[in-house]
Amino acid sequence: MIEHYPFGHAPMTSRAVSFWLHSQDLTFQSESALPPQADVVVIGGGITGICTAYWLSQLGIRPVVLERGHLSCGATGRNGGHCVFGANQSFKASVEDIGLEETLAVWDFTEQSSQLLQEVTHRHSIDCDLRFNRLVAFAMTPAQAQAIQDNCDVMRSHGLEATYWTQAEVYQQTQCSAFLAAGVKPHHGQLWPAQLVVGLAKAAQHQAHIHTQVEVQAVTRQGKDLHITTNQGQIQTQAVVYATNALAYHLLPNLKEVIIPVRGQVVATAPTAPLFDFDWLLNDGYEYAIQRQDGRIIFGGMRWKSPTKEVGIEDDTTLNPSVSEGLKAFLRDTFTPLRDIAIEYEWTGIMGFTADENPIVGELPNRPGEYISAGYTGHGMALAIAAGKAIAERITGSAQTPIPKAFRPERFGLG
């Protein structure tokens, strides 16, 4: 039996509707009857799980995807629409933490992910509003300005493109006096996340079985076999991929202190005239914005307005009023053209943060056949497609995509 449903509806109708999930055109046919066995079970129907299922299907595997809600109903459909390439930290901070070789490996991985994203969306004619632009990181304090200048210097010293704008140059570009300096990266993506996921899911359906409203309750092992217990029955497999990001600890309790849920909050304005010809970050990345081709500004951040910085919160059914006011006040008070701009959508989404700001990607130590792709610290849209390919290749024994050591599960002693 085939179930046909619109995105953004039950079972989680109490949530403020994300702009990315509001469209009635985002539909997908979900299979309802679970098979008793599967080549691979992928748990999670967001960008990470669907990318993994897509690559498995390309390699001739018939994966089963289990999503407890609807596709993209979690963090994938409730983010800011960014694809930020490069390390989550600044290049300089990453070199100091994990060394130059590993930092360059991370940057190469994200560059490969960017290329794959362009190739796959073109191959399957996926209209997800993908476009590339410059990314400008603004400094709000002298310390931030110095850190941005130092980072640009280190990047250039290793052959990477980075531009530093002085306060005068920033004003010339923005007509805004609130910013003291800026760093410019030439390569940054923005897209409609839910449209990408549904497009990839449809492209994978010739091989993949994708089931929504199926909650996985436990994964148990019996020899080489893994038994996936759900609210709709049990599936036997020899390989499982945990792709539930911040909620991975629900099935892997030893991840509870490793991947920490952090709630982000985002607003979408009414369409307006172009503000800048680039996407932007500020306040060390705590705030982030894109302006879509339709003129809407998608602006998120202001977690620091909350005493907890929204750390440890898994509830995406409510808005934090202090964060909400911070987002609206910043747009209103910083940019004269936005003084009276209407906010048409506002939502929250749960990110999964790790201590070192790098994701966990690969086979779990001492747990053969169990793979994880999670903990993306807000950067999953840029990394998931290459991570999905890397995991699919390892499951099929055809590994070609290297996984940076900085991403591997063993660094946290998992197993």
Protein backbone atom coordinates (compact mmCIF):
# COMPACT_ATOMS: atom_id res chain seq x y z
CA MET A 1 0.00 0.00 0.00
CA ILE A 2 1.28 3.47 -0.88
CA GLU A 3 0.70 6.48 1.35
CA HIS A 4 0.77 9.92 -0.27
CA TYR A 5 1.27 12.94 1.96
CA PRO A 6 2.26 16.61 1.83
CA PHE A 7 5.39 17.75 3.63
CA GLY A 8 5.10 19.79 6.80
CA HIS A 9 1.97 18.09 8.11
CA ALA A 10 1.22 15.39 10.72
CA PRO A 11 2.44 13.94 12.96
CA MET A 12 4.07 17.12 14.28
CA THR A 13 1.49 19.79 13.47
CA SER A 14 2.01 21.79 16.67
CA ARG A 15 5.34 23.19 15.49
CA ALA A 16 5.81 26.59 13.92
CA VAL A 17 6.04 25.78 10.22
CA SER A 18 9.45 26.20 8.68
CA PHE A 19 9.58 28.14 5.43
CA TRP A 20 11.32 25.11 3.90
CA LEU A 21 8.37 22.84 4.74
CA HIS A 22 5.45 25.13 3.92
CA SER A 23 5.02 24.16 0.28
CA GLN A 24 2.11 21.90 -0.66
CA ASP A 25 4.12 20.84 -3.73
CA LEU A 26 6.61 18.84 -1.66
CA THR A 27 5.10 15.37 -1.83
CA PHE A 28 6.53 11.90 -1.58
CA GLN A 29 5.15 8.37 -1.84
CA SER A 30 5.98 6.43 1.30
CA GLU A 31 5.83 2.64 1.38
CA SER A 32 3.78 1.32 4.28
CA ALA A 33 4.56 -2.41 4.64
CA LEU A 34 7.94 -3.13 6.22
CA PRO A 35 9.95 -5.98 4.68
CA PRO A 36 11.19 -8.68 7.08
CA GLN A 37 14.76 -8.34 5.77
CA ALA A 38 16.91 -5.66 4.18
CA ASP A 39 20.36 -5.34 2.63
CA VAL A 40 20.93 -2.21 4.73
CA VAL A 41 18.70 -0.26 7.11
CA VAL A 42 19.19 3.51 7.25
CA ILE A 43 17.65 5.14 10.32
CA GLY A 44 16.70 8.75 9.61
CA GLY A 45 15.03 10.48 6.66
CA GLY A 46 16.87 13.79 6.66
CA ILE A 47 19.70 14.89 4.39
CA THR A 48 22.18 12.41 5.89
CA GLY A 49 19.97 9.33 5.69
CA ILE A 50 18.61 10.07 2.23
CA CYS A 51 22.07 10.84 0.82
CA THR A 52 23.32 7.52 2.19
CA ALA A 53 20.33 5.66 0.72
CA TYR A 54 20.86 7.40 -2.62
CA TRP A 55 24.48 6.28 -2.89
CA LEU A 56 23.63 2.75 -1.74
CA SER A 57 21.02 2.57 -4.50
CA GLN A 58 23.59 3.79 -7.01
CA LEU A 59 25.84 0.90 -5.94
CA GLY A 60 23.12 -1.70 -6.50
CA ILE A 61 22.03 -2.08 -2.86
CA ARG A 62 18.37 -2.04 -1.83
CA PRO A 63 18.34 -0.07 1.43
CA VAL A 64 15.35 0.40 3.70
CA VAL A 65 15.02 3.92 5.14
CA LEU A 66 13.07 4.35 8.38
CA GLU A 67 11.92 7.85 9.37
CA ARG A 68 9.81 8.40 12.48
CA GLY A 69 8.10 11.49 11.05
CA HIS A 70 8.17 12.69 7.45
CA LEU A 71 11.21 13.27 5.27
CA SER A 72 13.08 16.43 6.32
CA CYS A 73 10.80 17.02 9.31
CA GLY A 74 13.82 17.32 11.63
CA ALA A 75 16.90 19.52 11.41
CA THR A 76 17.15 19.22 7.61
CA GLY A 77 13.86 21.04 7.10
CA ARG A 78 14.34 23.43 9.98
CA ASN A 79 17.71 25.08 9.31
CA GLY A 80 18.95 28.26 7.64
CA GLY A 81 19.47 26.91 4.11
CA HIS A 82 23.27 27.26 4.14
CA CYS A 83 25.96 25.02 2.64
CA VAL A 84 29.10 26.24 4.41
CA PHE A 85 32.19 24.61 2.92
CA GLY A 86 35.43 24.17 4.85
CA ALA A 87 35.99 23.26 8.48
CA ASN A 88 33.36 24.18 11.08
CA GLN A 89 36.02 26.11 12.96
CA SER A 90 38.05 28.85 11.35
CA PHE A 91 40.91 27.51 9.24
CA LYS A 92 43.44 28.85 11.74
CA ALA A 93 41.68 27.26 14.74
CA SER A 94 41.37 23.96 12.91
CA VAL A 95 45.09 23.91 12.08
CA GLU A 96 45.88 24.57 15.74
CA ASP A 97 43.56 21.75 16.88
CA ILE A 98 44.10 18.95 14.36
CA GLY A 99 47.08 20.09 12.27
CA LEU A 100 47.47 21.36 8.74
CA GLU A 101 47.27 17.97 7.00
CA GLU A 102 43.96 17.02 8.59
CA THR A 103 42.51 20.50 8.15
CA LEU A 104 43.28 20.34 4.44
CA ALA A 105 41.72 16.86 4.33
CA VAL A 106 38.52 18.31 5.81
CA TRP A 107 38.53 21.15 3.28
CA ASP A 108 39.09 18.68 0.44
CA PHE A 109 36.18 16.58 1.71
CA THR A 110 33.84 19.57 1.68
CA GLU A 111 35.03 20.58 -1.78
CA GLN A 112 34.26 17.07 -3.01
CA SER A 113 30.85 17.33 -1.37
CA SER A 114 30.20 20.58 -3.23
CA GLN A 115 31.09 18.98 -6.55
CA LEU A 116 28.91 15.93 -5.83
CA LEU A 117 25.99 18.18 -4.89
CA GLN A 118 26.21 19.99 -8.21
CA GLU A 119 26.59 16.76 -10.19
CA VAL A 120 23.70 14.94 -8.52
CA THR A 121 21.22 17.81 -8.71
CA HIS A 122 22.06 18.25 -12.39
CA ARG A 123 21.89 14.51 -13.17
CA HIS A 124 18.41 14.14 -11.67
CA SER A 125 17.11 17.63 -12.50
CA ILE A 126 16.48 18.37 -8.81
CA ASP A 127 15.20 21.92 -8.49
CA CYS A 128 16.30 22.87 -4.98
CA ASP A 129 17.25 26.51 -5.63
CA LEU A 130 20.94 25.60 -5.38
CA ARG A 131 23.24 28.50 -6.06
CA PHE A 132 26.73 29.56 -5.06
CA ASN A 133 27.90 32.88 -3.77
CA ARG A 134 30.55 34.54 -1.62
CA LEU A 135 30.32 34.18 2.15
CA VAL A 136 31.22 37.23 4.22
CA ALA A 137 31.95 36.89 7.95
CA PHE A 138 31.46 40.25 9.69
CA ALA A 139 33.28 41.34 12.84
CA MET A 140 31.27 43.10 15.54
CA THR A 141 34.17 43.67 17.99
CA PRO A 142 37.89 44.51 17.67
CA ALA A 143 38.76 40.99 18.88
CA GLN A 144 36.62 39.44 16.15
CA ALA A 145 38.20 41.74 13.55
CA GLN A 146 41.69 40.65 14.59
CA ALA A 147 40.71 36.98 14.56
CA ILE A 148 39.28 37.32 11.05
CA GLN A 149 42.42 39.07 9.79
CA ASP A 150 44.65 36.40 11.36
CA ASN A 151 42.55 33.64 9.81
CA CYS A 152 42.71 35.22 6.35
CA ASP A 153 46.50 35.50 6.68
CA VAL A 154 46.85 31.81 7.59
CA MET A 155 44.53 30.71 4.77
CA ARG A 156 46.45 32.71 2.19
CA SER A 157 49.78 31.39 3.50
CA HIS A 158 48.58 27.89 2.60
CA GLY A 159 47.32 28.79 -0.85
CA LEU A 160 43.63 29.22 -0.02
CA GLU A 161 41.63 32.17 -1.25
CA ALA A 162 40.52 34.61 1.45
CA THR A 163 40.01 38.36 1.44
CA TYR A 164 40.05 40.76 4.40
CA TRP A 165 37.90 43.89 4.34
CA THR A 166 38.74 46.84 6.56
CA GLN A 167 35.95 48.82 8.22
CA ALA A 168 36.02 51.33 5.37
CA GLU A 169 35.77 48.53 2.80
CA VAL A 170 32.92 46.93 4.72
CA TYR A 171 31.02 50.22 4.75
CA GLN A 172 31.62 50.65 1.03
CA GLN A 173 30.12 47.20 0.42
CA THR A 174 27.22 47.39 2.90
CA GLN A 175 26.52 51.02 3.82
CA CYS A 176 26.34 49.71 7.38
CA SER A 177 28.45 51.13 10.23
CA ALA A 178 27.82 48.26 12.67
CA PHE A 179 30.60 46.07 11.25
CA LEU A 180 34.29 46.65 11.99
CA ALA A 181 35.83 44.29 9.43
CA ALA A 182 35.04 41.17 7.43
CA GLY A 183 36.56 38.06 5.93
CA VAL A 184 35.40 36.88 2.50
CA LYS A 185 35.35 33.27 1.30
CA PRO A 186 34.64 32.86 -2.42
CA HIS A 187 32.63 29.63 -2.23
CA HIS A 188 29.38 29.16 -0.32
CA GLY A 189 26.11 27.48 -1.18
CA GLN A 190 22.46 28.04 -0.39
CA LEU A 191 19.53 25.79 -1.23
CA TRP A 192 16.02 24.62 -0.36
CA PRO A 193 16.86 21.63 1.88
CA ALA A 194 13.53 19.76 1.73
CA GLN A 195 13.42 19.98 -2.06
CA LEU A 196 16.89 18.45 -2.25
CA VAL A 197 15.89 15.59 0.05
CA VAL A 198 12.67 14.74 -1.76
CA GLY A 199 14.50 14.91 -5.10
CA LEU A 200 17.20 12.52 -3.90
CA ALA A 201 14.59 10.21 -2.36
CA LYS A 202 12.74 9.98 -5.67
CA ALA A 203 16.02 9.35 -7.48
CA ALA A 204 16.78 6.48 -5.08
CA GLN A 205 13.36 4.84 -5.19
CA HIS A 206 14.23 2.47 -8.02
CA GLN A 207 16.24 0.58 -5.38
CA ALA A 208 15.42 2.05 -1.98
CA HIS A 209 12.36 1.36 0.19
CA ILE A 210 11.56 4.54 2.10
CA HIS A 211 9.16 4.36 5.04
CA THR A 212 7.87 7.31 7.05
CA GLN A 213 6.13 7.36 10.44
CA VAL A 214 8.16 4.34 11.50
CA GLU A 215 9.89 4.77 14.84
CA VAL A 216 12.92 2.60 15.55
CA GLN A 217 12.80 1.43 19.14
CA ALA A 218 15.92 -0.73 19.41
CA VAL A 219 18.80 -2.27 17.48
CA THR A 220 19.99 -5.62 18.82
CA ARG A 221 22.67 -8.02 17.61
CA GLN A 222 22.55 -11.79 17.22
CA GLY A 223 25.82 -12.96 15.72
CA LYS A 224 26.28 -11.12 12.43
CA ASP A 225 22.59 -10.28 12.21
CA LEU A 226 21.13 -7.00 13.41
CA HIS A 227 17.48 -6.84 14.41
CA ILE A 228 15.76 -3.49 14.01
CA THR A 229 12.68 -3.28 16.23
CA THR A 230 10.12 -0.64 15.24
CA ASN A 231 6.58 0.37 16.12
CA GLN A 232 5.49 -1.46 12.95
CA GLY A 233 7.46 -4.68 13.23
CA GLN A 234 11.01 -6.00 13.03
CA ILE A 235 13.57 -6.05 10.21
CA GLN A 236 16.67 -8.23 10.00
CA THR A 237 19.81 -6.88 8.34
CA GLN A 238 23.58 -7.11 8.47
CA ALA A 239 24.22 -3.38 8.16
CA VAL A 240 22.62 -0.35 9.76
CA VAL A 241 23.36 3.37 9.41
CA TYR A 242 22.48 5.70 12.27
CA ALA A 243 21.61 9.03 10.61
CA THR A 244 19.64 10.78 13.34
CA ASN A 245 22.19 13.50 14.19
CA ALA A 246 21.40 15.10 17.58
CA LEU A 247 19.10 12.22 18.54
CA ALA A 248 21.60 9.43 17.85
CA TYR A 249 21.95 8.72 21.57
CA HIS A 250 18.35 7.48 21.69
CA LEU A 251 19.62 4.27 20.06
CA LEU A 252 23.30 4.60 21.01
CA PRO A 253 23.31 5.65 24.69
CA ASN A 254 27.10 6.03 24.80
CA LEU A 255 26.70 9.06 22.51
CA LYS A 256 24.70 11.04 25.06
CA GLU A 257 27.69 13.14 26.12
CA VAL A 258 29.32 13.05 22.67
CA ILE A 259 26.64 14.58 20.41
CA ILE A 260 24.81 17.37 22.21
CA PRO A 261 21.42 18.70 21.02
CA VAL A 262 21.45 22.46 20.43
CA ARG A 263 18.35 24.35 19.34
CA GLY A 264 18.64 26.95 16.60
CA GLN A 265 16.00 29.53 15.73
CA VAL A 266 15.39 31.09 12.32
CA VAL A 267 13.13 33.72 10.76
CA ALA A 268 12.14 34.32 7.14
CA THR A 269 11.18 37.81 6.05
CA ALA A 270 8.79 38.91 3.39
CA PRO A 271 10.45 39.36 -0.02
CA THR A 272 12.48 42.56 -0.22
CA ALA A 273 14.97 44.27 -2.51
CA PRO A 274 18.50 42.80 -2.57
CA LEU A 275 20.42 43.78 0.56
CA PHE A 276 23.87 42.42 -0.40
CA ASP A 277 25.26 40.35 -3.26
CA PHE A 278 26.68 37.76 -0.83
CA ASP A 279 25.61 35.49 2.05
CA TRP A 280 26.82 36.38 5.51
CA LEU A 281 27.79 35.38 9.03
CA LEU A 282 28.53 37.50 12.07
CA ASN A 283 29.42 37.23 15.74
CA ASP A 284 31.76 34.24 15.20
CA GLY A 285 29.04 32.41 13.27
CA TYR A 286 26.37 32.69 15.96
CA GLU A 287 24.26 34.59 13.41
CA TYR A 288 23.88 33.61 9.76
CA ALA A 289 21.84 34.80 6.81
CA ILE A 290 21.09 34.24 3.16
CA GLN A 291 18.88 36.20 0.81
CA ARG A 292 17.01 33.96 -1.57
CA GLN A 293 16.37 34.74 -5.20
CA ASP A 294 12.74 35.52 -4.30
CA GLY A 295 14.03 38.31 -2.01
CA ARG A 296 13.35 36.63 1.34
CA ILE A 297 16.05 36.94 3.97
CA ILE A 298 16.54 33.78 6.05
CA PHE A 299 18.22 34.85 9.29
CA GLY A 300 19.11 32.60 12.22
CA GLY A 301 21.06 32.63 15.45
CA MET A 302 20.89 34.71 18.63
CA ARG A 303 21.20 31.59 20.83
CA TRP A 304 23.27 33.68 23.23
CA LYS A 305 20.07 35.55 24.16
CA SER A 306 19.12 32.41 26.10
CA PRO A 307 20.87 31.71 29.45
CA THR A 308 21.58 28.16 28.26
CA LYS A 309 22.46 29.18 24.68
CA GLU A 310 19.77 26.59 23.85
CA VAL A 311 22.22 23.77 24.60
CA GLY A 312 20.64 20.45 25.56
CA ILE A 313 17.20 21.36 24.19
CA GLU A 314 15.45 18.83 21.93
CA ASP A 315 12.06 20.55 21.72
CA ASP A 316 11.48 22.14 18.31
CA THR A 317 7.76 22.70 18.91
CA THR A 318 8.22 26.10 20.56
CA LEU A 319 10.02 29.40 20.03
CA ASN A 320 12.23 31.17 22.57
CA PRO A 321 10.78 34.71 22.91
CA SER A 322 14.16 36.25 23.82
CA VAL A 323 15.83 34.72 20.78
CA SER A 324 12.88 35.75 18.62
CA GLU A 325 13.12 39.37 19.71
CA GLY A 326 16.89 39.33 19.22
CA LEU A 327 16.56 38.16 15.63
CA LYS A 328 13.91 40.71 14.75
CA ALA A 329 15.63 43.58 16.57
CA PHE A 330 18.94 42.95 14.83
CA LEU A 331 17.42 43.10 11.36
CA ARG A 332 15.31 46.12 12.29
CA ASP A 333 18.06 48.11 14.01
CA THR A 334 21.06 47.24 11.84
CA PHE A 335 19.76 47.67 8.31
CA THR A 336 17.72 50.75 7.42
CA PRO A 337 15.90 49.05 4.50
CA LEU A 338 14.65 46.36 6.91
CA ARG A 339 13.26 48.68 9.56
CA ASP A 340 9.66 47.76 8.74
CA ILE A 341 10.22 44.33 7.20
CA ALA A 342 7.55 41.72 7.95
CA ILE A 343 8.55 38.36 9.44
CA GLU A 344 6.44 35.73 7.69
CA TYR A 345 7.89 32.50 9.15
CA GLU A 346 9.74 31.57 12.32
CA TRP A 347 10.84 28.14 13.47
CA THR A 348 13.30 26.15 15.56
CA GLY A 349 15.42 23.12 14.69
CA ILE A 350 17.72 20.81 16.64
CA MET A 351 21.37 20.60 15.65
CA GLY A 352 23.85 17.99 16.90
CA PHE A 353 27.13 19.45 18.23
CA THR A 354 30.34 17.58 19.03
CA ALA A 355 33.09 18.81 21.34
CA ASP A 356 35.59 19.27 18.50
CA GLU A 357 32.96 20.62 16.05
CA ASN A 358 33.59 17.78 13.58
CA PRO A 359 31.01 15.14 12.63
CA ILE A 360 31.22 11.43 13.41
CA VAL A 361 31.33 9.43 10.18
CA GLY A 362 32.22 5.77 9.70
CA GLU A 363 31.85 2.28 11.13
CA LEU A 364 31.52 2.09 14.89
CA PRO A 365 34.55 0.40 16.51
CA ASN A 366 33.94 -3.18 17.64
CA ARG A 367 30.43 -3.12 16.14
CA PRO A 368 30.77 -4.62 12.65
CA GLY A 369 28.04 -3.56 10.27
CA GLU A 370 26.99 -0.54 12.37
CA TYR A 371 27.76 2.84 10.81
CA ILE A 372 27.11 6.39 11.94
CA SER A 373 26.86 9.75 10.21
CA ALA A 374 25.91 12.40 12.76
CA GLY A 375 27.08 15.33 14.89
CA TYR A 376 27.40 17.87 12.08
CA THR A 377 27.43 20.95 14.36
CA GLY A 378 25.16 22.90 12.04
CA HIS A 379 27.04 22.09 8.82
CA GLY A 380 25.31 18.91 7.67
CA MET A 381 23.97 20.32 4.41
CA ALA A 382 27.50 20.83 3.09
CA LEU A 383 28.91 17.49 4.24
CA ALA A 384 26.12 14.92 4.06
CA ILE A 385 26.33 14.03 0.38
CA ALA A 386 30.03 13.12 0.51
CA ALA A 387 29.60 11.42 3.90
CA GLY A 388 26.72 9.34 2.52
CA LYS A 389 28.86 8.28 -0.42
CA ALA A 390 31.78 7.36 1.85
CA ILE A 391 29.60 5.18 4.08
CA ALA A 392 27.82 3.52 1.14
CA GLU A 393 31.19 2.62 -0.36
CA ARG A 394 32.39 1.09 2.89
CA ILE A 395 29.25 -0.99 3.27
CA THR A 396 29.71 -2.36 -0.25
CA GLY A 397 33.49 -2.81 0.04
CA SER A 398 34.21 -0.27 -2.68
CA ALA A 399 35.70 2.56 -0.62
CA GLN A 400 37.04 5.40 -2.76
CA THR A 401 35.97 8.47 -0.80
CA PRO A 402 38.42 9.06 2.06
CA ILE A 403 36.95 9.99 5.44
CA PRO A 404 39.13 12.53 7.27
CA LYS A 405 40.64 11.18 10.48
CA ALA A 406 39.03 14.15 12.24
CA PHE A 407 35.59 12.62 11.46
CA ARG A 408 36.21 9.04 12.51
CA PRO A 409 34.25 7.52 15.44
CA GLU A 410 37.29 6.06 17.20
CA ARG A 411 38.46 9.52 18.28
CA PHE A 412 35.73 9.47 20.94
CA GLY A 413 36.40 5.88 21.98
CA LEU A 414 33.04 4.75 20.68
CA GLY A 415 32.21 1.10 20.33
